[in-house]
Amino acid sequence: MPTNNKPNRLIAEKSPYLLQHAHNPVNWFPWGEEALEKAKRENKPVLVSIGYS
């Protein structure tokens, strides 16, 4: 996957798994109130990635 010079909001997380995606060109949200409130406000579903092995 291409990387982006500007990090997304995952750059503020402590999880090594989330940090490895901090430069992906995707508008990721960590699980939390911000993600849930945005989905509710925009009437959009929440898609959850539980990782992979």
PDB file of N, CA and C in Angstrom:
ATOM      1  N   MET A   1       0.848  -1.180   0.000  1.00  0.00           N
ATOM      2  CA  MET A   1       0.000   0.000   0.000  1.00  0.00           C
ATOM      3  C   MET A   1       0.887   1.234   0.000  1.00  0.00           C
ATOM      4  N   PRO A   2       0.534   2.241  -0.777  1.00  0.00           N
ATOM      5  CA  PRO A   2       1.340   3.467  -0.798  1.00  0.00           C
ATOM      6  C   PRO A   2       1.341   4.142   0.564  1.00  0.00           C
ATOM      7  N   THR A   3       2.393   4.840   0.842  1.00  0.00           N
ATOM      8  CA  THR A   3       2.455   5.572   2.110  1.00  0.00           C
ATOM      9  C   THR A   3       2.310   7.062   1.840  1.00  0.00           C
ATOM     10  N   ASN A   4       1.971   7.764   2.882  1.00  0.00           N
ATOM     11  CA  ASN A   4       1.704   9.191   2.813  1.00  0.00           C
ATOM     12  C   ASN A   4       2.689   9.881   3.758  1.00  0.00           C
ATOM     13  N   ASN A   5       3.261  10.998   3.344  1.00  0.00           N
ATOM     14  CA  ASN A   5       4.180  11.717   4.216  1.00  0.00           C
ATOM     15  C   ASN A   5       3.478  12.296   5.433  1.00  0.00           C
ATOM     16  N   LYS A   6       2.240  12.727   5.277  1.00  0.00           N
ATOM     17  CA  LYS A   6       1.480  13.306   6.383  1.00  0.00           C
ATOM     18  C   LYS A   6       0.762  12.178   7.127  1.00  0.00           C
ATOM     19  N   PRO A   7       1.030  12.007   8.411  1.00  0.00           N
ATOM     20  CA  PRO A   7       0.384  10.923   9.147  1.00  0.00           C
ATOM     21  C   PRO A   7      -1.103  11.190   9.388  1.00  0.00           C
ATOM     22  N   ASN A   8      -1.861  10.121   9.542  1.00  0.00           N
ATOM     23  CA  ASN A   8      -3.269  10.246   9.908  1.00  0.00           C
ATOM     24  C   ASN A   8      -3.379  10.259  11.430  1.00  0.00           C
ATOM     25  N   ARG A   9      -4.585  10.248  11.957  1.00  0.00           N
ATOM     26  CA  ARG A   9      -4.774  10.392  13.411  1.00  0.00           C
ATOM     27  C   ARG A   9      -4.236   9.214  14.222  1.00  0.00           C
ATOM     28  N   LEU A  10      -3.894   8.101  13.577  1.00  0.00           N
ATOM     29  CA  LEU A  10      -3.333   6.971  14.320  1.00  0.00           C
ATOM     30  C   LEU A  10      -1.930   7.257  14.845  1.00  0.00           C
ATOM     31  N   ILE A  11      -1.294   8.307  14.363  1.00  0.00           N
ATOM     32  CA  ILE A  11       0.048   8.655  14.813  1.00  0.00           C
ATOM     33  C   ILE A  11       0.081   8.948  16.320  1.00  0.00           C
ATOM     34  N   ALA A  12      -1.050   9.296  16.897  1.00  0.00           N
ATOM     35  CA  ALA A  12      -1.111   9.616  18.337  1.00  0.00           C
ATOM     36  C   ALA A  12      -1.364   8.381  19.209  1.00  0.00           C
ATOM     37  N   GLU A  13      -1.511   7.213  18.602  1.00  0.00           N
ATOM     38  CA  GLU A  13      -1.804   6.002  19.365  1.00  0.00           C
ATOM     39  C   GLU A  13      -0.523   5.361  19.895  1.00  0.00           C
ATOM     40  N   LYS A  14      -0.659   4.507  20.901  1.00  0.00           N
ATOM     41  CA  LYS A  14       0.482   3.806  21.491  1.00  0.00           C
ATOM     42  C   LYS A  14       0.648   2.394  20.940  1.00  0.00           C
ATOM     43  N   SER A  15      -0.400   1.844  20.369  1.00  0.00           N
ATOM     44  CA  SER A  15      -0.378   0.475  19.871  1.00  0.00           C
ATOM     45  C   SER A  15       0.562   0.341  18.667  1.00  0.00           C
ATOM     46  N   PRO A  16       1.514  -0.602  18.722  1.00  0.00           N
ATOM     47  CA  PRO A  16       2.382  -0.823  17.559  1.00  0.00           C
ATOM     48  C   PRO A  16       1.585  -1.194  16.304  1.00  0.00           C
ATOM     49  N   TYR A  17       0.492  -1.930  16.476  1.00  0.00           N
ATOM     50  CA  TYR A  17      -0.345  -2.303  15.325  1.00  0.00           C
ATOM     51  C   TYR A  17      -0.950  -1.061  14.669  1.00  0.00           C
ATOM     52  N   LEU A  18      -1.499  -0.155  15.465  1.00  0.00           N
ATOM     53  CA  LEU A  18      -2.089   1.058  14.905  1.00  0.00           C
ATOM     54  C   LEU A  18      -1.023   1.978  14.328  1.00  0.00           C
ATOM     55  N   LEU A  19       0.120   2.082  14.986  1.00  0.00           N
ATOM     56  CA  LEU A  19       1.187   2.958  14.506  1.00  0.00           C
ATOM     57  C   LEU A  19       1.723   2.535  13.142  1.00  0.00           C
ATOM     58  N   GLN A  20       1.689   1.245  12.844  1.00  0.00           N
ATOM     59  CA  GLN A  20       2.192   0.823  11.533  1.00  0.00           C
ATOM     60  C   GLN A  20       1.285   1.293  10.397  1.00  0.00           C
ATOM     61  N   HIS A  21       0.081   1.756  10.725  1.00  0.00           N
ATOM     62  CA  HIS A  21      -0.858   2.268   9.727  1.00  0.00           C
ATOM     63  C   HIS A  21      -0.987   3.790   9.762  1.00  0.00           C
ATOM     64  N   ALA A  22      -0.144   4.447  10.540  1.00  0.00           N
ATOM     65  CA  ALA A  22      -0.251   5.894  10.740  1.00  0.00           C
ATOM     66  C   ALA A  22       0.101   6.717   9.503  1.00  0.00           C
ATOM     67  N   HIS A  23       0.754   6.120   8.529  1.00  0.00           N
ATOM     68  CA  HIS A  23       1.100   6.854   7.309  1.00  0.00           C
ATOM     69  C   HIS A  23       0.352   6.316   6.089  1.00  0.00           C
ATOM     70  N   ASN A  24      -0.644   5.484   6.313  1.00  0.00           N
ATOM     71  CA  ASN A  24      -1.482   5.020   5.212  1.00  0.00           C
ATOM     72  C   ASN A  24      -2.368   6.165   4.738  1.00  0.00           C
ATOM     73  N   PRO A  25      -2.672   6.220   3.451  1.00  0.00           N
ATOM     74  CA  PRO A  25      -3.532   7.298   2.943  1.00  0.00           C
ATOM     75  C   PRO A  25      -5.022   7.001   3.171  1.00  0.00           C
ATOM     76  N   VAL A  26      -5.341   6.591   4.384  1.00  0.00           N
ATOM     77  CA  VAL A  26      -6.717   6.263   4.769  1.00  0.00           C
ATOM     78  C   VAL A  26      -7.060   7.099   5.990  1.00  0.00           C
ATOM     79  N   ASN A  27      -8.280   7.570   6.051  1.00  0.00           N
ATOM     80  CA  ASN A  27      -8.704   8.403   7.172  1.00  0.00           C
ATOM     81  C   ASN A  27      -9.150   7.517   8.345  1.00  0.00           C
ATOM     82  N   TRP A  28      -8.205   6.752   8.902  1.00  0.00           N
ATOM     83  CA  TRP A  28      -8.516   5.827   9.994  1.00  0.00           C
ATOM     84  C   TRP A  28      -8.869   6.571  11.274  1.00  0.00           C
ATOM     85  N   PHE A  29      -9.744   5.962  12.056  1.00  0.00           N
ATOM     86  CA  PHE A  29     -10.040   6.428  13.414  1.00  0.00           C
ATOM     87  C   PHE A  29      -9.747   5.286  14.364  1.00  0.00           C
ATOM     88  N   PRO A  30      -9.098   5.531  15.487  1.00  0.00           N
ATOM     89  CA  PRO A  30      -9.029   4.488  16.505  1.00  0.00           C
ATOM     90  C   PRO A  30     -10.420   4.317  17.112  1.00  0.00           C
ATOM     91  N   TRP A  31     -10.695   3.155  17.692  1.00  0.00           N
ATOM     92  CA  TRP A  31     -11.993   2.910  18.304  1.00  0.00           C
ATOM     93  C   TRP A  31     -12.201   3.899  19.428  1.00  0.00           C
ATOM     94  N   GLY A  32     -13.343   4.566  19.443  1.00  0.00           N
ATOM     95  CA  GLY A  32     -13.617   5.506  20.517  1.00  0.00           C
ATOM     96  C   GLY A  32     -14.769   6.428  20.178  1.00  0.00           C
ATOM     97  N   GLU A  33     -15.024   7.362  21.068  1.00  0.00           N
ATOM     98  CA  GLU A  33     -16.147   8.283  20.933  1.00  0.00           C
ATOM     99  C   GLU A  33     -16.085   9.115  19.650  1.00  0.00           C
ATOM    100  N   GLU A  34     -14.891   9.562  19.266  1.00  0.00           N
ATOM    101  CA  GLU A  34     -14.774  10.395  18.064  1.00  0.00           C
ATOM    102  C   GLU A  34     -15.301   9.644  16.837  1.00  0.00           C
ATOM    103  N   ALA A  35     -14.903   8.395  16.693  1.00  0.00           N
ATOM    104  CA  ALA A  35     -15.351   7.593  15.547  1.00  0.00           C
ATOM    105  C   ALA A  35     -16.857   7.349  15.605  1.00  0.00           C
ATOM    106  N   LEU A  36     -17.355   7.003  16.772  1.00  0.00           N
ATOM    107  CA  LEU A  36     -18.786   6.715  16.909  1.00  0.00           C
ATOM    108  C   LEU A  36     -19.639   7.962  16.688  1.00  0.00           C
ATOM    109  N   GLU A  37     -19.205   9.089  17.213  1.00  0.00           N
ATOM    110  CA  GLU A  37     -19.950  10.337  17.029  1.00  0.00           C
ATOM    111  C   GLU A  37     -19.971  10.759  15.560  1.00  0.00           C
ATOM    112  N   LYS A  38     -18.832  10.614  14.868  1.00  0.00           N
ATOM    113  CA  LYS A  38     -18.769  10.981  13.448  1.00  0.00           C
ATOM    114  C   LYS A  38     -19.699  10.085  12.627  1.00  0.00           C
ATOM    115  N   ALA A  39     -19.692   8.792  12.897  1.00  0.00           N
ATOM    116  CA  ALA A  39     -20.568   7.868  12.171  1.00  0.00           C
ATOM    117  C   ALA A  39     -22.038   8.210  12.408  1.00  0.00           C
ATOM    118  N   LYS A  40     -22.378   8.515  13.638  1.00  0.00           N
ATOM    119  CA  LYS A  40     -23.762   8.865  13.953  1.00  0.00           C
ATOM    120  C   LYS A  40     -24.161  10.176  13.276  1.00  0.00           C
ATOM    121  N   ARG A  41     -23.297  11.165  13.359  1.00  0.00           N
ATOM    122  CA  ARG A  41     -23.567  12.476  12.766  1.00  0.00           C
ATOM    123  C   ARG A  41     -23.749  12.381  11.249  1.00  0.00           C
ATOM    124  N   GLU A  42     -22.950  11.527  10.605  1.00  0.00           N
ATOM    125  CA  GLU A  42     -23.017  11.382   9.152  1.00  0.00           C
ATOM    126  C   GLU A  42     -23.926  10.232   8.701  1.00  0.00           C
ATOM    127  N   ASN A  43     -24.560   9.578   9.668  1.00  0.00           N
ATOM    128  CA  ASN A  43     -25.449   8.448   9.385  1.00  0.00           C
ATOM    129  C   ASN A  43     -24.747   7.397   8.522  1.00  0.00           C
ATOM    130  N   LYS A  44     -23.554   7.005   8.966  1.00  0.00           N
ATOM    131  CA  LYS A  44     -22.738   6.017   8.256  1.00  0.00           C
ATOM    132  C   LYS A  44     -22.439   4.842   9.172  1.00  0.00           C
ATOM    133  N   PRO A  45     -22.230   3.665   8.591  1.00  0.00           N
ATOM    134  CA  PRO A  45     -21.892   2.503   9.417  1.00  0.00           C
ATOM    135  C   PRO A  45     -20.469   2.606   9.955  1.00  0.00           C
ATOM    136  N   VAL A  46     -20.200   1.863  11.004  1.00  0.00           N
ATOM    137  CA  VAL A  46     -18.860   1.763  11.572  1.00  0.00           C
ATOM    138  C   VAL A  46     -18.276   0.440  11.093  1.00  0.00           C
ATOM    139  N   LEU A  47     -17.144   0.514  10.419  1.00  0.00           N
ATOM    140  CA  LEU A  47     -16.440  -0.682   9.969  1.00  0.00           C
ATOM    141  C   LEU A  47     -15.286  -0.924  10.922  1.00  0.00           C
ATOM    142  N   VAL A  48     -15.169  -2.127  11.418  1.00  0.00           N
ATOM    143  CA  VAL A  48     -14.169  -2.441  12.424  1.00  0.00           C
ATOM    144  C   VAL A  48     -13.141  -3.398  11.843  1.00  0.00           C
ATOM    145  N   SER A  49     -11.882  -3.022  11.957  1.00  0.00           N
ATOM    146  CA  SER A  49     -10.779  -3.915  11.582  1.00  0.00           C
ATOM    147  C   SER A  49     -10.225  -4.501  12.868  1.00  0.00           C
ATOM    148  N   ILE A  50     -10.219  -5.818  12.947  1.00  0.00           N
ATOM    149  CA  ILE A  50      -9.712  -6.458  14.159  1.00  0.00           C
ATOM    150  C   ILE A  50      -8.303  -6.999  13.958  1.00  0.00           C
ATOM    151  N   GLY A  51      -7.673  -6.570  12.892  1.00  0.00           N
ATOM    152  CA  GLY A  51      -6.313  -6.986  12.625  1.00  0.00           C
ATOM    153  C   GLY A  51      -6.255  -8.218  11.749  1.00  0.00           C
ATOM    154  N   TYR A  52      -5.082  -8.711  11.558  1.00  0.00           N
ATOM    155  CA  TYR A  52      -4.874  -9.877  10.718  1.00  0.00           C
ATOM    156  C   TYR A  52      -3.593 -10.562  11.170  1.00  0.00           C
ATOM    157  N   SER A  53      -3.401 -11.769  10.722  1.00  0.00           N
ATOM    158  CA  SER A  53      -2.173 -12.497  11.092  1.00  0.00           C
ATOM    159  C   SER A  53      -1.478 -13.027   9.873  1.00  0.00           C
TER     160      SER A  53
END
